[in-house]
């Protein structure tokens, strides 16, 4: 049986001029998209720097941004650089699971807390930062993601979270209440496929007991969503979860079919569940923190943080 989730240590918010390192722990990114992301960050009066291997491509597997060792080295070097205040992932894709075990967690813990931002495949790293560093992280847009560099809502919400996080404490759902009620707990979650595939690995959360699960995915047909949720249920990972806030389910088929699966698998838990909170793989994706205490009000369809995500 897993222990109740506890709130994690919050990094400091960013200030104008802060240095932000861009890393690519998963898939490769085109240079023009990296440059577009840098332009956005410079427009916020930040000082973005690109890690050495961000534009690499693996010699054999073109879905990886360079070798596992190089991708891990980029992340570790950026995290341990005292001049860097935040680390942003260039994109998701696939590959974080291949490099996460190559990181020197003791060295990264010694480097102290800083802001970490990414989503999708980066779920693996969010879990590792929570279990190994005890640190709040931001499940938010990728620095070179199309939905970030071309969408003002995604940009503005991340910017607010980074610079004035007290103004981003409440997120309202655009969807419906699946199961009514209120629940409090520490936020945890990410991309459903990664949560399922991380089960049993050294850095995964032992379970969501006492927490609020924030979950989404992309490009998964309803039967696959069913399979992954069933895996989380059968493994006991969802035992004792307090409430569930659902994000986007882009390219997963007609939403009525997705909703039916989500309701079938989750409503029986007897906890508050609300859909369409606007985080994940969607245009204008909002930034949500993991590791902070929050309240899910399923009747009002709001998620409210007890404290700002960053100090």
Protein backbone atom coordinates (compact mmCIF):
# COMPACT_ATOMS: atom_id res chain seq x y z
CA UNK A 1 0.00 0.00 0.00
CA UNK A 2 1.42 3.39 -1.00
CA UNK A 3 1.67 6.31 1.42
CA UNK A 4 -0.47 9.39 0.96
CA UNK A 5 1.08 11.87 -1.44
CA UNK A 6 2.66 14.84 0.29
CA UNK A 7 3.25 18.36 -1.03
CA UNK A 8 6.68 18.86 -2.56
CA UNK A 9 9.20 21.69 -2.39
CA UNK A 10 8.33 24.64 -4.61
CA UNK A 11 11.07 26.27 -6.73
CA UNK A 12 11.36 30.03 -6.95
CA UNK A 13 9.45 31.96 -9.59
CA UNK A 14 11.39 33.52 -12.43
CA UNK A 15 12.49 37.13 -12.63
CA UNK A 16 13.31 39.18 -15.74
CA UNK A 17 16.70 38.20 -17.10
CA UNK A 18 16.55 34.65 -15.72
CA UNK A 19 18.46 32.05 -17.71
CA UNK A 20 16.36 29.19 -19.10
CA UNK A 21 18.04 26.08 -20.53
CA UNK A 22 16.31 24.23 -23.39
CA UNK A 23 16.91 20.47 -23.46
CA UNK A 24 15.59 17.61 -25.62
CA UNK A 25 15.28 14.47 -23.48
CA UNK A 26 12.96 12.73 -25.93
CA UNK A 27 12.31 13.34 -29.63
CA UNK A 28 14.17 15.53 -32.15
CA UNK A 29 13.07 19.05 -33.05
CA UNK A 30 13.51 21.19 -36.17
CA UNK A 31 15.85 24.12 -35.69
CA UNK A 32 13.27 26.65 -36.91
CA UNK A 33 10.86 25.61 -34.15
CA UNK A 34 13.58 25.89 -31.53
CA UNK A 35 14.37 29.38 -32.76
CA UNK A 36 10.69 30.35 -32.67
CA UNK A 37 10.46 29.18 -29.06
CA UNK A 38 13.58 31.12 -28.16
CA UNK A 39 12.02 34.25 -29.64
CA UNK A 40 8.95 33.83 -27.41
CA UNK A 41 11.10 33.43 -24.31
CA UNK A 42 13.30 36.39 -25.22
CA UNK A 43 10.13 38.41 -25.60
CA UNK A 44 9.46 37.67 -21.92
CA UNK A 45 12.89 39.17 -21.04
CA UNK A 46 14.32 35.73 -20.32
CA UNK A 47 17.77 34.52 -21.37
CA UNK A 48 17.24 31.17 -23.13
CA UNK A 49 20.21 28.93 -23.89
CA UNK A 50 20.12 25.76 -25.98
CA UNK A 51 21.82 22.63 -24.69
CA UNK A 52 24.52 21.19 -26.98
CA UNK A 53 22.59 18.17 -28.28
CA UNK A 54 19.08 19.60 -28.72
CA UNK A 55 19.30 19.51 -32.52
CA UNK A 56 20.92 16.06 -32.68
CA UNK A 57 19.30 13.00 -34.22
CA UNK A 58 20.08 9.46 -33.18
CA UNK A 59 22.16 7.66 -35.80
CA UNK A 60 19.82 4.67 -35.98
CA UNK A 61 16.51 5.72 -34.38
CA UNK A 62 15.22 8.91 -35.93
CA UNK A 63 12.59 9.31 -33.20
CA UNK A 64 15.30 10.19 -30.67
CA UNK A 65 17.11 13.52 -30.27
CA UNK A 66 20.60 12.06 -30.17
CA UNK A 67 22.01 9.32 -27.99
CA UNK A 68 20.61 8.47 -24.58
CA UNK A 69 23.87 9.49 -22.93
CA UNK A 70 23.97 12.87 -24.68
CA UNK A 71 20.35 13.66 -23.88
CA UNK A 72 20.91 12.78 -20.22
CA UNK A 73 24.13 14.80 -20.11
CA UNK A 74 22.35 17.87 -21.49
CA UNK A 75 19.67 17.71 -18.82
CA UNK A 76 22.09 17.05 -15.98
CA UNK A 77 24.51 19.76 -17.08
CA UNK A 78 21.71 22.31 -17.38
CA UNK A 79 20.25 21.37 -14.00
CA UNK A 80 23.61 21.55 -12.25
CA UNK A 81 24.57 24.89 -13.83
CA UNK A 82 24.11 27.49 -11.05
CA UNK A 83 23.39 30.22 -13.62
CA UNK A 84 20.28 28.36 -14.88
CA UNK A 85 16.98 29.17 -13.14
CA UNK A 86 14.70 26.94 -15.22
CA UNK A 87 14.91 23.98 -17.57
CA UNK A 88 12.36 23.61 -20.37
CA UNK A 89 11.95 20.60 -22.62
CA UNK A 90 11.94 21.28 -26.35
CA UNK A 91 9.29 18.63 -27.04
CA UNK A 92 7.94 15.26 -25.97
CA UNK A 93 7.67 12.31 -28.32
CA UNK A 94 9.55 9.31 -26.96
CA UNK A 95 12.85 8.71 -25.24
CA UNK A 96 12.76 10.01 -21.66
CA UNK A 97 12.42 6.47 -20.32
CA UNK A 98 15.65 5.52 -22.09
CA UNK A 99 17.72 8.26 -20.46
CA UNK A 100 16.18 8.80 -17.01
CA UNK A 101 18.27 6.08 -15.37
CA UNK A 102 21.48 7.70 -16.64
CA UNK A 103 20.95 10.85 -14.55
CA UNK A 104 23.01 11.44 -11.41
CA UNK A 105 20.21 12.25 -8.99
CA UNK A 106 22.55 12.98 -6.10
CA UNK A 107 24.34 15.66 -8.14
CA UNK A 108 21.02 17.11 -9.26
CA UNK A 109 19.72 17.15 -5.69
CA UNK A 110 22.85 18.98 -4.59
CA UNK A 111 22.27 21.60 -7.30
CA UNK A 112 19.09 22.68 -5.51
CA UNK A 113 15.57 23.42 -6.74
CA UNK A 114 14.75 25.15 -10.00
CA UNK A 115 11.82 25.25 -12.40
CA UNK A 116 11.24 22.28 -14.71
CA UNK A 117 8.71 22.45 -17.58
CA UNK A 118 7.55 19.84 -20.08
CA UNK A 119 4.70 17.50 -20.92
CA UNK A 120 3.74 14.30 -22.73
CA UNK A 121 6.70 11.87 -22.74
CA UNK A 122 8.29 14.12 -20.11
CA UNK A 123 5.79 12.59 -17.63
CA UNK A 124 8.57 10.09 -16.88
CA UNK A 125 10.82 12.94 -15.73
CA UNK A 126 8.04 14.64 -13.75
CA UNK A 127 7.67 11.43 -11.74
CA UNK A 128 11.43 11.14 -11.26
CA UNK A 129 11.78 14.77 -10.15
CA UNK A 130 9.04 14.15 -7.59
CA UNK A 131 10.37 10.86 -6.22
CA UNK A 132 14.12 11.64 -6.41
CA UNK A 133 14.23 15.40 -5.82
CA UNK A 134 10.96 16.01 -3.97
CA UNK A 135 10.31 18.94 -6.27
CA UNK A 136 7.22 20.60 -7.72
CA UNK A 137 7.33 20.60 -11.53
CA UNK A 138 5.21 22.22 -14.24
CA UNK A 139 3.30 20.12 -16.77
CA UNK A 140 3.24 22.72 -19.47
CA UNK A 141 4.03 23.52 -23.10
CA UNK A 142 7.19 22.40 -24.86
CA UNK A 143 9.50 25.26 -25.78
CA UNK A 144 9.56 24.23 -29.45
CA UNK A 145 6.01 22.89 -29.60
CA UNK A 146 3.75 24.17 -32.38
CA UNK A 147 0.87 24.59 -29.93
CA UNK A 148 3.10 26.84 -27.84
CA UNK A 149 4.91 28.98 -30.38
CA UNK A 150 1.69 29.72 -32.28
CA UNK A 151 -0.82 30.00 -29.44
CA UNK A 152 -1.18 33.09 -27.28
CA UNK A 153 -3.25 31.40 -24.57
CA UNK A 154 -0.63 28.71 -23.95
CA UNK A 155 2.10 31.33 -23.88
CA UNK A 156 0.28 33.68 -21.54
CA UNK A 157 -0.70 31.02 -19.01
CA UNK A 158 2.84 29.65 -18.83
CA UNK A 159 4.23 33.17 -18.53
CA UNK A 160 1.84 33.95 -15.68
CA UNK A 161 2.74 30.70 -13.93
CA UNK A 162 6.45 31.46 -14.21
CA UNK A 163 6.40 35.15 -13.21
CA UNK A 164 3.18 35.69 -11.22
CA UNK A 165 2.02 32.23 -10.12
CA UNK A 166 -0.45 33.64 -7.60
CA UNK A 167 -2.51 34.73 -10.62
CA UNK A 168 -2.69 31.16 -11.95
CA UNK A 169 -4.00 29.36 -8.88
CA UNK A 170 -7.44 28.47 -10.29
CA UNK A 171 -8.18 26.59 -13.51
CA UNK A 172 -11.76 26.25 -14.70
CA UNK A 173 -13.04 23.35 -16.76
CA UNK A 174 -14.74 23.89 -20.10
CA UNK A 175 -16.39 20.50 -19.83
CA UNK A 176 -18.82 18.63 -17.66
CA UNK A 177 -18.90 17.12 -14.20
CA UNK A 178 -18.61 13.34 -14.48
CA UNK A 179 -18.96 12.66 -10.74
CA UNK A 180 -19.92 15.51 -8.36
CA UNK A 181 -18.29 16.41 -5.06
CA UNK A 182 -15.15 18.03 -3.67
CA UNK A 183 -11.73 16.57 -3.02
CA UNK A 184 -8.41 17.83 -1.73
CA UNK A 185 -5.00 16.35 -2.35
CA UNK A 186 -1.57 16.74 -3.90
CA UNK A 187 -1.55 16.94 -7.68
CA UNK A 188 0.06 14.09 -9.62
CA UNK A 189 -0.24 12.71 -13.11
CA UNK A 190 0.60 13.48 -16.71
CA UNK A 191 0.19 11.51 -19.90
CA UNK A 192 -1.79 8.31 -19.38
CA UNK A 193 0.42 6.15 -21.61
CA UNK A 194 3.52 7.12 -19.63
CA UNK A 195 1.87 6.65 -16.25
CA UNK A 196 0.93 3.12 -17.31
CA UNK A 197 4.29 2.26 -18.87
CA UNK A 198 6.22 3.64 -15.87
CA UNK A 199 4.53 1.25 -13.44
CA UNK A 200 7.12 -0.79 -11.59
CA UNK A 201 10.07 1.38 -12.61
CA UNK A 202 12.49 2.89 -10.06
CA UNK A 203 11.34 6.50 -10.39
CA UNK A 204 7.57 6.10 -10.69
CA UNK A 205 5.21 7.37 -8.01
CA UNK A 206 4.21 4.40 -5.85
CA UNK A 207 0.57 5.42 -6.23
CA UNK A 208 -1.92 8.27 -6.25
CA UNK A 209 -3.33 7.62 -2.77
CA UNK A 210 -4.61 10.86 -1.22
CA UNK A 211 -3.81 12.78 -4.38
CA UNK A 212 -5.61 14.51 -7.23
CA UNK A 213 -4.89 12.82 -10.55
CA UNK A 214 -4.45 15.13 -13.56
CA UNK A 215 -4.37 12.98 -16.68
CA UNK A 216 -4.58 13.30 -20.48
CA UNK A 217 -3.30 11.70 -23.66
CA UNK A 218 -3.16 12.01 -27.44
CA UNK A 219 -3.65 9.65 -30.37
CA UNK A 220 -4.92 6.71 -28.31
CA UNK A 221 -8.05 4.88 -29.45
CA UNK A 222 -10.70 4.30 -26.77
CA UNK A 223 -9.81 0.64 -26.26
CA UNK A 224 -6.20 1.63 -25.54
CA UNK A 225 -7.35 4.27 -23.04
CA UNK A 226 -9.50 1.56 -21.48
CA UNK A 227 -6.52 -0.79 -21.31
CA UNK A 228 -4.20 1.74 -19.68
CA UNK A 229 -6.76 2.91 -17.13
CA UNK A 230 -7.55 -0.72 -16.33
CA UNK A 231 -3.84 -1.37 -15.82
CA UNK A 232 -3.64 1.52 -13.33
CA UNK A 233 -6.73 0.21 -11.57
CA UNK A 234 -5.61 -3.43 -11.43
CA UNK A 235 -2.12 -2.51 -10.22
CA UNK A 236 -3.56 -0.60 -7.27
CA UNK A 237 -1.95 2.65 -8.42
CA UNK A 238 -5.31 4.45 -8.23
CA UNK A 239 -6.25 3.04 -4.81
CA UNK A 240 -7.26 5.92 -2.54
CA UNK A 241 -7.00 8.67 -5.16
CA UNK A 242 -9.10 11.62 -4.01
CA UNK A 243 -10.30 13.14 -7.28
CA UNK A 244 -9.56 13.24 -11.00
CA UNK A 245 -9.19 16.23 -13.34
CA UNK A 246 -9.16 15.21 -16.99
CA UNK A 247 -7.26 17.12 -19.66
CA UNK A 248 -7.34 16.85 -23.44
CA UNK A 249 -7.83 13.68 -25.51
CA UNK A 250 -6.86 14.93 -28.94
CA UNK A 251 -6.88 12.48 -31.86
CA UNK A 252 -8.39 9.74 -29.69
CA UNK A 253 -11.49 9.34 -31.82
CA UNK A 254 -14.95 10.87 -31.36
CA UNK A 255 -15.06 12.33 -27.88
CA UNK A 256 -18.33 10.62 -27.02
CA UNK A 257 -16.50 7.29 -27.23
CA UNK A 258 -13.61 8.56 -25.13
CA UNK A 259 -16.01 10.00 -22.54
CA UNK A 260 -17.81 6.67 -22.31
CA UNK A 261 -14.56 4.85 -21.50
CA UNK A 262 -13.44 7.48 -18.98
CA UNK A 263 -16.81 7.33 -17.24
CA UNK A 264 -16.91 3.54 -17.24
CA UNK A 265 -13.42 3.16 -15.78
CA UNK A 266 -13.37 6.09 -13.34
CA UNK A 267 -16.90 6.84 -12.13
CA UNK A 268 -16.98 3.63 -10.11
CA UNK A 269 -14.22 4.95 -7.87
CA UNK A 270 -16.85 7.14 -6.20
CA UNK A 271 -14.67 10.26 -6.23
CA UNK A 272 -15.12 13.66 -7.94
CA UNK A 273 -14.23 13.56 -11.64
CA UNK A 274 -14.33 16.51 -14.06
CA UNK A 275 -13.43 16.61 -17.74
CA UNK A 276 -11.80 19.10 -20.13
CA UNK A 277 -9.51 21.20 -17.96
CA UNK A 278 -7.53 22.32 -21.01
CA UNK A 279 -4.09 20.92 -20.21
CA UNK A 280 -2.17 18.44 -22.34
CA UNK A 281 -2.04 17.92 -26.10
CA UNK A 282 -4.37 20.69 -27.19
CA UNK A 283 -4.18 24.13 -28.69
CA UNK A 284 -3.83 26.73 -25.94
CA UNK A 285 -2.78 24.11 -23.38
CA UNK A 286 -2.67 25.42 -19.83
CA UNK A 287 0.18 24.79 -17.39
CA UNK A 288 -0.56 22.69 -14.31
CA UNK A 289 1.81 21.93 -11.43
CA UNK A 290 2.50 18.51 -9.92
CA UNK A 291 3.28 18.23 -6.22
CA UNK A 292 1.07 21.00 -4.80
CA UNK A 293 -2.02 20.70 -2.61
CA UNK A 294 -5.21 21.68 -4.39
CA UNK A 295 -8.98 21.39 -4.24
CA UNK A 296 -11.06 19.90 -7.02
CA UNK A 297 -14.63 21.21 -6.91
CA UNK A 298 -16.49 19.03 -9.36
CA UNK A 299 -19.73 20.97 -8.99
CA UNK A 300 -18.09 24.32 -9.80
CA UNK A 301 -15.72 22.52 -12.21
CA UNK A 302 -12.63 24.23 -10.81
CA UNK A 303 -9.18 23.17 -9.67
CA UNK A 304 -7.70 25.60 -7.13
CA UNK A 305 -4.17 25.44 -5.74
CA UNK A 306 -3.71 26.13 -2.03
CA UNK A 307 -0.50 28.02 -2.83
CA UNK A 308 1.07 29.35 -6.02
CA UNK A 309 3.02 26.68 -7.89
CA UNK A 310 6.25 28.64 -7.45
CA UNK A 311 7.50 30.59 -4.45
